[in-house]
N, C-alpha and C. Protein backbone atom coordinates (compact mmCIF):
# COMPACT_ATOMS: atom_id res chain seq x y z
N MET A 1 103.39 98.97 59.67
CA MET A 1 103.91 98.77 61.06
C MET A 1 102.57 98.75 61.96
N GLU A 2 102.58 97.66 62.85
CA GLU A 2 101.48 97.66 63.85
C GLU A 2 101.58 98.61 64.98
N GLU A 3 100.43 99.16 65.24
CA GLU A 3 100.39 100.06 66.45
C GLU A 3 100.51 99.48 67.73
N GLN A 4 101.38 100.05 68.63
CA GLN A 4 101.67 99.45 69.84
C GLN A 4 100.38 99.63 70.65
N LYS A 5 99.92 98.61 71.54
CA LYS A 5 98.77 98.80 72.41
C LYS A 5 99.23 98.75 73.92
N ILE A 6 98.36 99.30 74.77
CA ILE A 6 98.82 99.24 76.21
C ILE A 6 97.52 98.64 76.83
N GLN A 7 97.63 97.72 77.75
CA GLN A 7 96.64 97.02 78.42
C GLN A 7 96.30 97.90 79.67
N LEU A 8 95.08 98.52 79.67
CA LEU A 8 94.85 99.26 80.98
C LEU A 8 94.39 98.47 82.16
N LYS A 9 94.31 99.11 83.32
CA LYS A 9 93.92 98.49 84.47
C LYS A 9 92.45 99.21 84.92
N HIS A 10 91.75 98.56 85.71
CA HIS A 10 90.58 99.05 86.36
C HIS A 10 90.70 99.15 87.80
N PRO A 11 90.30 100.28 88.44
CA PRO A 11 90.47 100.42 89.91
C PRO A 11 89.85 99.33 90.67
N GLU A 12 88.80 98.60 90.16
CA GLU A 12 88.03 97.63 90.90
C GLU A 12 88.49 96.18 90.50
N GLY A 13 89.59 96.22 89.70
CA GLY A 13 90.00 94.90 89.23
C GLY A 13 89.09 94.26 88.08
N LYS A 14 88.05 94.95 87.57
CA LYS A 14 87.34 94.57 86.49
C LYS A 14 88.26 94.53 85.11
N LYS A 15 87.62 93.72 84.07
CA LYS A 15 88.39 93.68 82.89
C LYS A 15 88.40 94.91 82.13
N ALA A 16 89.65 95.35 81.75
CA ALA A 16 89.79 96.59 81.11
C ALA A 16 90.24 96.55 79.61
N VAL A 17 90.08 97.54 78.87
CA VAL A 17 90.49 97.48 77.49
C VAL A 17 91.92 97.71 77.13
N SER A 18 92.32 97.40 75.98
CA SER A 18 93.61 97.88 75.36
C SER A 18 93.38 98.91 74.41
N ILE A 19 94.30 100.03 74.53
CA ILE A 19 94.17 101.12 73.72
C ILE A 19 95.59 101.36 73.09
N SER A 20 95.56 102.31 72.00
CA SER A 20 96.88 102.69 71.45
C SER A 20 97.80 103.24 72.59
N LYS A 21 98.93 102.82 72.52
CA LYS A 21 99.99 103.50 73.51
C LYS A 21 100.03 104.88 73.20
N HIS A 22 100.04 105.33 71.92
CA HIS A 22 100.04 106.80 71.59
C HIS A 22 98.93 107.59 72.27
N THR A 23 97.76 107.05 72.05
CA THR A 23 96.57 107.61 72.55
C THR A 23 96.61 107.77 74.06
N TYR A 24 97.09 106.75 74.75
CA TYR A 24 97.17 106.62 76.15
C TYR A 24 98.13 107.70 76.71
N GLU A 25 99.34 107.73 76.16
CA GLU A 25 100.40 108.59 76.53
C GLU A 25 99.87 110.13 76.36
N LEU A 26 99.27 110.32 75.30
CA LEU A 26 98.71 111.78 75.01
C LEU A 26 97.69 112.21 76.15
N LEU A 27 96.72 111.29 76.28
CA LEU A 27 95.62 111.61 77.25
C LEU A 27 96.19 111.62 78.69
N LYS A 28 97.00 110.64 79.09
CA LYS A 28 97.57 110.66 80.34
C LYS A 28 98.36 111.93 80.74
N THR A 29 99.06 112.33 79.73
CA THR A 29 99.98 113.52 79.99
C THR A 29 99.08 114.71 80.23
N GLU A 30 98.11 114.87 79.25
CA GLU A 30 96.97 116.03 79.41
C GLU A 30 96.25 115.94 80.68
N LEU A 31 95.78 114.87 81.16
CA LEU A 31 94.94 114.56 82.31
C LEU A 31 95.94 115.04 83.40
N VAL A 32 97.04 114.53 83.69
CA VAL A 32 98.00 114.78 84.73
C VAL A 32 98.31 116.30 84.67
N LYS A 33 98.51 116.86 83.62
CA LYS A 33 98.88 118.43 83.55
C LYS A 33 97.56 119.16 83.97
N CYS A 34 96.43 118.76 83.56
CA CYS A 34 95.25 119.28 84.00
C CYS A 34 95.05 119.33 85.44
N LEU A 35 95.27 118.25 86.20
CA LEU A 35 95.08 118.10 87.61
C LEU A 35 96.19 118.80 88.23
N THR A 36 97.45 119.06 87.63
CA THR A 36 98.51 119.71 88.23
C THR A 36 98.21 121.22 88.41
N GLU A 37 97.52 121.67 87.21
CA GLU A 37 97.19 123.10 87.14
C GLU A 37 96.06 123.46 88.13
N LYS A 38 95.16 122.53 88.28
CA LYS A 38 93.93 122.72 89.15
C LYS A 38 93.53 121.51 89.67
N THR A 39 93.57 121.25 91.03
CA THR A 39 93.10 120.03 91.60
C THR A 39 91.63 120.09 91.98
N ASP A 40 91.19 119.08 92.29
CA ASP A 40 89.82 118.68 92.62
C ASP A 40 88.79 119.13 91.47
N GLN A 41 88.94 118.43 90.35
CA GLN A 41 88.17 118.68 89.13
C GLN A 41 87.21 117.49 88.98
N THR A 42 86.09 117.88 88.39
CA THR A 42 85.08 116.81 87.96
C THR A 42 85.65 116.22 86.46
N PHE A 43 85.02 115.13 86.25
CA PHE A 43 85.38 114.48 84.94
C PHE A 43 85.14 115.42 83.87
N THR A 44 83.95 116.11 84.03
CA THR A 44 83.45 117.09 82.88
C THR A 44 84.39 118.28 82.69
N GLU A 45 84.87 118.77 83.92
CA GLU A 45 85.89 119.84 83.80
C GLU A 45 87.19 119.32 83.18
N ILE A 46 87.62 118.31 83.56
CA ILE A 46 88.82 117.72 82.98
C ILE A 46 88.64 117.47 81.39
N SER A 47 87.52 116.91 81.06
CA SER A 47 87.32 116.63 79.70
C SER A 47 87.34 117.88 78.90
N LYS A 48 86.55 118.92 79.27
CA LYS A 48 86.49 120.16 78.65
C LYS A 48 87.83 120.83 78.47
N THR A 49 88.50 120.75 79.45
CA THR A 49 90.08 121.21 79.27
C THR A 49 90.81 120.68 78.34
N ILE A 50 90.81 119.19 78.41
CA ILE A 50 91.63 118.53 77.44
C ILE A 50 91.06 118.62 76.02
N VAL A 51 89.78 118.74 75.74
CA VAL A 51 89.28 118.99 74.44
C VAL A 51 89.78 120.32 73.94
N GLN A 52 89.81 121.35 74.77
CA GLN A 52 90.46 122.60 74.49
C GLN A 52 91.87 122.78 74.10
N LYS A 53 92.72 121.97 74.85
CA LYS A 53 94.08 121.68 74.74
C LYS A 53 94.30 120.96 73.40
N LEU A 54 93.57 119.98 73.14
CA LEU A 54 93.71 119.37 71.79
C LEU A 54 93.58 120.20 70.58
N LYS A 55 92.50 120.90 70.75
CA LYS A 55 92.16 121.97 69.63
C LYS A 55 93.23 122.94 69.46
N GLU A 56 93.70 123.44 70.53
CA GLU A 56 94.82 124.40 70.47
C GLU A 56 96.09 123.86 69.80
N LYS A 57 96.34 122.51 70.11
CA LYS A 57 97.57 121.94 69.42
C LYS A 57 97.25 121.35 68.03
N ASN A 58 95.92 121.58 67.61
CA ASN A 58 95.50 121.05 66.21
C ASN A 58 95.52 119.59 66.20
N LEU A 59 95.17 118.91 67.32
CA LEU A 59 95.25 117.41 67.29
C LEU A 59 93.83 116.88 66.92
N LYS A 60 93.81 116.10 65.96
CA LYS A 60 92.67 115.54 65.65
C LYS A 60 92.39 114.24 66.42
N PHE A 61 91.23 113.86 66.85
CA PHE A 61 91.16 112.73 67.75
C PHE A 61 90.12 111.74 67.05
N ASN A 62 90.52 110.45 66.81
CA ASN A 62 89.72 109.50 66.21
C ASN A 62 88.85 108.77 67.32
N GLY A 63 87.59 108.62 67.14
CA GLY A 63 86.73 107.92 68.13
C GLY A 63 86.26 108.91 69.16
N SER A 64 85.51 108.24 70.30
CA SER A 64 85.00 109.12 71.31
C SER A 64 86.05 109.61 72.34
N LEU A 65 86.55 110.69 72.45
CA LEU A 65 87.59 111.31 73.24
C LEU A 65 87.03 110.91 74.69
N ASN A 66 85.80 111.24 75.01
CA ASN A 66 85.30 110.94 76.37
C ASN A 66 85.40 109.45 76.88
N TRP A 67 85.20 108.68 75.90
CA TRP A 67 85.33 107.17 76.13
C TRP A 67 86.74 106.84 76.51
N TYR A 68 87.70 107.21 75.70
CA TYR A 68 89.18 106.96 75.70
C TYR A 68 89.58 107.69 77.03
N LEU A 69 89.17 108.92 77.44
CA LEU A 69 89.42 109.56 78.63
C LEU A 69 88.96 108.94 79.83
N GLU A 70 87.82 108.43 79.81
CA GLU A 70 87.23 107.71 80.86
C GLU A 70 88.08 106.45 81.29
N TRP A 71 88.49 105.81 80.23
CA TRP A 71 89.47 104.61 80.45
C TRP A 71 90.74 104.98 81.07
N VAL A 72 91.29 106.12 80.60
CA VAL A 72 92.67 106.56 80.98
C VAL A 72 92.48 107.00 82.48
N LYS A 73 91.54 107.64 82.68
CA LYS A 73 91.10 108.15 84.12
C LYS A 73 91.14 106.90 85.07
N LEU A 74 90.26 105.80 84.70
CA LEU A 74 90.18 104.61 85.43
C LEU A 74 91.52 103.95 85.58
N ASP A 75 92.40 103.91 84.58
CA ASP A 75 93.68 103.31 84.61
C ASP A 75 94.51 104.11 85.62
N LEU A 76 94.50 105.48 85.51
CA LEU A 76 95.47 106.18 86.46
C LEU A 76 95.00 106.10 87.95
N GLU A 77 93.73 105.94 88.05
CA GLU A 77 93.20 105.54 89.37
C GLU A 77 93.74 104.21 89.95
N ALA A 78 93.65 103.18 89.01
CA ALA A 78 94.14 101.94 89.38
C ALA A 78 95.74 101.85 89.72
N ARG A 79 96.45 102.67 89.01
CA ARG A 79 97.82 102.81 89.27
C ARG A 79 98.10 103.87 90.31
N GLN A 80 97.12 104.29 90.96
CA GLN A 80 97.35 105.43 92.13
C GLN A 80 98.05 106.58 91.76
N ILE A 81 97.80 107.05 90.56
CA ILE A 81 98.45 108.22 90.03
C ILE A 81 97.45 109.51 90.39
N ILE A 82 96.14 109.11 90.15
CA ILE A 82 94.97 109.95 90.48
C ILE A 82 94.16 109.37 91.57
N THR A 83 93.46 110.16 92.29
CA THR A 83 92.33 109.66 93.15
C THR A 83 91.04 110.34 93.21
N ARG A 84 90.05 109.81 93.53
CA ARG A 84 88.71 110.42 93.69
C ARG A 84 88.77 111.25 95.08
N THR A 85 88.38 112.37 94.96
CA THR A 85 88.45 113.23 96.30
C THR A 85 87.11 113.33 96.83
N SER A 86 85.96 112.87 96.10
CA SER A 86 84.72 112.95 96.55
C SER A 86 83.92 111.70 96.24
N ALA A 87 83.21 111.06 97.11
CA ALA A 87 82.35 109.96 96.71
C ALA A 87 81.02 110.21 96.20
N LYS A 88 80.59 111.40 96.50
CA LYS A 88 79.29 111.78 96.07
C LYS A 88 79.49 112.41 94.71
N SER A 89 78.38 112.58 94.06
CA SER A 89 78.26 112.93 92.66
C SER A 89 78.11 114.56 92.68
N PRO A 90 78.83 115.38 91.96
CA PRO A 90 79.80 114.77 90.89
C PRO A 90 81.27 114.40 91.54
N GLN A 91 81.65 113.38 91.17
CA GLN A 91 83.05 112.89 91.61
C GLN A 91 84.04 113.85 91.25
N LYS A 92 84.98 114.23 92.20
CA LYS A 92 86.11 115.01 91.73
C LYS A 92 87.28 114.19 91.89
N TYR A 93 88.48 114.66 91.08
CA TYR A 93 89.57 113.91 91.08
C TYR A 93 90.82 114.82 91.36
N SER A 94 91.87 114.26 91.94
CA SER A 94 93.14 114.93 92.20
C SER A 94 94.32 113.97 91.95
N LEU A 95 95.53 114.62 91.87
CA LEU A 95 96.67 113.76 91.74
C LEU A 95 96.94 113.11 93.21
N VAL A 96 97.54 111.89 93.30
CA VAL A 96 97.84 111.30 94.43
C VAL A 96 99.21 112.00 94.86
N LYS A 97 99.28 112.45 96.11
CA LYS A 97 100.36 113.03 96.60
C LYS A 97 101.42 111.77 97.09
N HIS A 98 102.51 111.78 96.42
CA HIS A 98 103.50 110.72 96.91
C HIS A 98 104.68 111.29 97.80
N GLY A 99 105.09 110.48 98.72
CA GLY A 99 106.10 111.06 99.57
C GLY A 99 105.65 111.10 100.94
């Protein structure tokens, strides 16, 4: 059975990658949960939290977690689910408040 892929988006409209739908859903869920628990986090903080959560769940990850996480983060920015809260380095991220 072939793995389902999802085409990601880039916030600046650049060409984006396709990744496994399972990987995307897993990282999207963890990233949103992470920013729900604590807003205004840097990518490094988000990454550390997610690595820890995956370890706790005993989930093995194939490939570079940070590479996948970076793309999922960009996709969530493009879909206006998360937003950059600071333009200066280090950039911080929060969930977009809808409503």
